[in-house]
Amino acid sequence: MYYLSWRDHVDNTAAKANRTLGFLRRNLWFCQKEVKTTAYSTLVRPILEYASCTWDPHKTGQVNKLEGIQRKAACFCVGNFNSSSSVTQMLSDLKWETLETRRERNRLTMLFKIQRGMVGIPADKYITYLPERRTRRKNDTQIKIPFARTDTYKNSFFVRTSANWNTLENNIVNAPSLESFKGALTA
């Protein structure tokens, strides 16, 4: 057991996703690319992303372990297991973003929901805004990033997501609705 670490959780999540992907490979090997892609998006990716805004790993080994599952899934969906083929090109052809990018967007979306009172987490308890002033900052609603001495706290939800939030443009941060915020993030 590793205390204050997501290692065990990432290992268990990766193992479960690998088992599910193996099931799909055994049972859908003869299907078309669209069916395989839908099966992956419906059955495997949710395992890799469930509550990921909370446990988003920051260590390279853990990130690569999760990304490796998506890379295997891309080979399966395209039906190309040749070792000389570019998996990056397969991911591009499938129009799949990295799981790390998707997790970052989920964290930013959760912070937007917290700020707007859409979830039961009190914003005033966890979020402190910097005073508004005209500078070269990206947006007018900059969040004060708490001082973090340890890597565990430095990579926790509020500290890590606040740093990402402060790099967003004004039109994204001030989006009128959740749908428009998500749309602006993906654009």
Protein backbone atom coordinates (compact mmCIF):
# COMPACT_ATOMS: atom_id res chain seq x y z
CA MET A 1 0.00 0.00 0.00
CA TYR A 2 1.36 3.39 -1.01
CA TYR A 3 -0.08 6.14 1.14
CA LEU A 4 -1.02 9.42 -0.48
CA SER A 5 -0.54 7.84 -3.87
CA TRP A 6 -2.90 6.80 -6.65
CA ARG A 7 -0.60 3.96 -7.73
CA ASP A 8 -2.83 1.12 -6.53
CA HIS A 9 -5.91 2.77 -7.99
CA VAL A 10 -4.24 3.34 -11.37
CA ASP A 11 -2.98 -0.27 -11.38
CA ASN A 12 -6.46 -1.63 -10.61
CA THR A 13 -8.12 0.64 -13.15
CA ALA A 14 -5.62 -0.33 -15.85
CA ALA A 15 -6.06 -4.02 -15.08
CA LYS A 16 -9.86 -3.78 -15.30
CA ALA A 17 -9.68 -1.79 -18.56
CA ASN A 18 -7.22 -4.32 -20.02
CA ARG A 19 -9.55 -7.21 -19.12
CA THR A 20 -12.47 -5.45 -20.78
CA LEU A 21 -10.39 -4.65 -23.86
CA GLY A 22 -9.30 -8.30 -24.01
CA PHE A 23 -12.94 -9.36 -23.90
CA LEU A 24 -13.70 -7.04 -26.82
CA ARG A 25 -10.71 -8.31 -28.79
CA ARG A 26 -11.82 -11.92 -28.33
CA ASN A 27 -15.44 -11.30 -29.22
CA LEU A 28 -15.40 -8.46 -31.77
CA TRP A 29 -12.28 -9.27 -33.81
CA PHE A 30 -14.37 -9.77 -36.95
CA CYS A 31 -16.42 -6.55 -36.67
CA GLN A 32 -16.00 -3.31 -38.57
CA LYS A 33 -13.94 -0.39 -37.25
CA GLU A 34 -17.04 1.61 -36.27
CA VAL A 35 -18.38 -1.21 -34.08
CA LYS A 36 -15.00 -1.68 -32.37
CA THR A 37 -14.64 2.06 -31.81
CA THR A 38 -18.11 2.29 -30.31
CA ALA A 39 -17.42 -0.70 -28.06
CA TYR A 40 -14.17 0.86 -26.82
CA SER A 41 -15.82 4.25 -26.21
CA THR A 42 -18.72 2.61 -24.39
CA LEU A 43 -17.05 -0.11 -22.35
CA VAL A 44 -13.34 0.63 -21.86
CA ARG A 45 -12.88 4.41 -21.85
CA PRO A 46 -15.45 4.97 -19.06
CA ILE A 47 -13.40 2.64 -16.85
CA LEU A 48 -10.32 4.77 -17.53
CA GLU A 49 -12.15 8.04 -16.89
CA TYR A 50 -14.55 7.34 -14.04
CA ALA A 51 -14.11 10.12 -11.45
CA SER A 52 -10.76 10.96 -13.04
CA CYS A 53 -10.95 14.62 -12.06
CA THR A 54 -10.26 13.38 -8.54
CA TRP A 55 -7.52 10.82 -9.16
CA ASP A 56 -5.85 12.26 -12.28
CA PRO A 57 -2.30 10.80 -12.15
CA HIS A 58 0.69 13.08 -12.65
CA LYS A 59 3.51 10.54 -12.63
CA THR A 60 4.78 9.61 -16.07
CA GLY A 61 4.64 5.85 -15.47
CA GLN A 62 1.01 5.97 -14.38
CA VAL A 63 0.01 8.26 -17.27
CA ASN A 64 1.79 5.98 -19.76
CA LYS A 65 0.12 2.90 -18.31
CA LEU A 66 -3.32 4.38 -19.00
CA GLU A 67 -2.34 5.79 -22.40
CA GLY A 68 -0.96 2.37 -23.35
CA ILE A 69 -4.42 0.86 -23.03
CA GLN A 70 -5.84 3.43 -25.44
CA ARG A 71 -2.97 2.75 -27.83
CA LYS A 72 -3.75 -0.99 -27.75
CA ALA A 73 -7.40 -0.15 -28.35
CA ALA A 74 -6.46 1.96 -31.39
CA CYS A 75 -4.59 -1.01 -32.90
CA PHE A 76 -7.61 -3.21 -32.21
CA CYS A 77 -10.11 -0.76 -33.70
CA VAL A 78 -8.07 -0.19 -36.85
CA GLY A 79 -7.19 -3.89 -37.07
CA ASN A 80 -3.48 -3.20 -37.51
CA PHE A 81 -1.16 -4.94 -35.05
CA ASN A 82 1.97 -4.51 -37.20
CA SER A 83 4.86 -3.36 -35.01
CA SER A 84 6.13 -1.02 -37.73
CA SER A 85 2.80 0.85 -37.96
CA SER A 86 2.42 4.23 -36.30
CA VAL A 87 -0.03 4.05 -33.41
CA THR A 88 0.08 7.84 -33.19
CA GLN A 89 -1.21 8.00 -36.75
CA MET A 90 -3.97 5.51 -35.86
CA LEU A 91 -5.01 7.70 -32.93
CA SER A 92 -5.04 10.70 -35.23
CA ASP A 93 -7.12 8.88 -37.85
CA LEU A 94 -9.61 7.83 -35.16
CA LYS A 95 -9.64 11.44 -33.87
CA TRP A 96 -8.96 10.27 -30.32
CA GLU A 97 -7.45 12.74 -27.88
CA THR A 98 -5.03 11.54 -25.27
CA LEU A 99 -6.63 10.45 -22.02
CA GLU A 100 -4.47 13.00 -20.22
CA THR A 101 -6.05 15.81 -22.28
CA ARG A 102 -9.52 14.46 -21.60
CA ARG A 103 -8.79 14.27 -17.84
CA GLU A 104 -7.54 17.88 -17.83
CA ARG A 105 -10.72 19.02 -19.58
CA ASN A 106 -12.79 17.06 -17.03
CA ARG A 107 -10.97 18.78 -14.16
CA LEU A 108 -11.57 22.21 -15.69
CA THR A 109 -15.23 21.36 -16.25
CA MET A 110 -15.57 20.30 -12.60
CA LEU A 111 -13.99 23.57 -11.47
CA PHE A 112 -16.45 25.48 -13.66
CA LYS A 113 -19.32 23.55 -12.03
CA ILE A 114 -17.95 24.27 -8.54
CA GLN A 115 -17.68 27.99 -9.30
CA ARG A 116 -21.23 28.16 -10.65
CA GLY A 117 -22.73 26.15 -7.78
CA MET A 118 -23.73 23.20 -9.99
CA VAL A 119 -22.28 20.65 -7.56
CA GLY A 120 -22.38 20.37 -3.78
CA ILE A 121 -18.84 21.66 -3.18
CA PRO A 122 -18.73 25.12 -1.61
CA ALA A 123 -16.61 27.34 -3.89
CA ASP A 124 -15.86 29.95 -1.22
CA LYS A 125 -14.21 27.32 0.96
CA TYR A 126 -11.72 26.15 -1.66
CA ILE A 127 -11.33 28.92 -4.25
CA THR A 128 -9.74 32.32 -3.64
CA TYR A 129 -9.60 34.83 -6.49
CA LEU A 130 -6.78 37.25 -7.12
CA PRO A 131 -7.76 40.91 -7.11
CA GLU A 132 -8.92 42.11 -10.52
CA ARG A 133 -6.48 44.40 -12.27
CA ARG A 134 -5.39 45.14 -15.81
CA THR A 135 -2.32 43.08 -16.67
CA ARG A 136 -1.25 40.69 -19.38
CA ARG A 137 -3.05 37.82 -17.71
CA LYS A 138 -5.14 35.55 -19.89
CA ASN A 139 -8.39 36.06 -17.95
CA ASP A 140 -9.85 38.42 -15.37
CA THR A 141 -10.88 35.72 -12.89
CA GLN A 142 -7.49 34.39 -11.85
CA ILE A 143 -7.50 31.89 -9.01
CA LYS A 144 -4.92 32.14 -6.26
CA ILE A 145 -2.86 28.96 -6.34
CA PRO A 146 -2.24 27.72 -2.79
CA PHE A 147 1.34 27.12 -1.73
CA ALA A 148 2.16 23.43 -2.01
CA ARG A 149 5.21 21.96 -0.35
CA THR A 150 4.67 18.30 -1.23
CA ASP A 151 4.11 16.68 -4.62
CA THR A 152 0.93 15.08 -3.33
CA TYR A 153 -0.66 18.43 -2.53
CA LYS A 154 0.92 20.16 -5.55
CA ASN A 155 -0.85 17.70 -7.84
CA SER A 156 -4.16 17.65 -5.98
CA PHE A 157 -7.35 18.78 -7.70
CA PHE A 158 -7.59 22.43 -6.65
CA VAL A 159 -3.90 23.31 -6.90
CA ARG A 160 -3.36 21.64 -10.25
CA THR A 161 -6.64 22.75 -11.81
CA SER A 162 -6.25 26.35 -10.63
CA ALA A 163 -2.95 26.56 -12.50
CA ASN A 164 -4.67 25.25 -15.66
CA TRP A 165 -7.62 27.62 -15.13
CA ASN A 166 -5.36 30.66 -15.02
CA THR A 167 -4.09 29.89 -18.54
CA LEU A 168 -7.58 29.94 -20.09
CA GLU A 169 -8.80 32.82 -22.21
CA ASN A 170 -11.44 35.26 -20.91
CA ASN A 171 -14.17 34.06 -23.30
CA ILE A 172 -13.79 30.48 -22.03
CA VAL A 173 -13.77 31.38 -18.32
CA ASN A 174 -16.81 33.65 -18.68
CA ALA A 175 -18.87 31.20 -20.74
CA PRO A 176 -22.59 31.64 -20.02
CA SER A 177 -23.38 27.93 -19.75
CA LEU A 178 -21.73 24.58 -19.14
CA GLU A 179 -22.30 23.52 -22.75
CA SER A 180 -20.64 26.65 -24.13
CA PHE A 181 -17.72 26.21 -21.68
CA LYS A 182 -17.18 22.62 -22.84
CA GLY A 183 -17.46 23.69 -26.46
CA ALA A 184 -14.91 26.47 -25.97
CA LEU A 185 -12.50 24.06 -24.28
CA THR A 186 -12.57 21.63 -27.18
CA ALA A 187 -12.28 24.34 -29.86
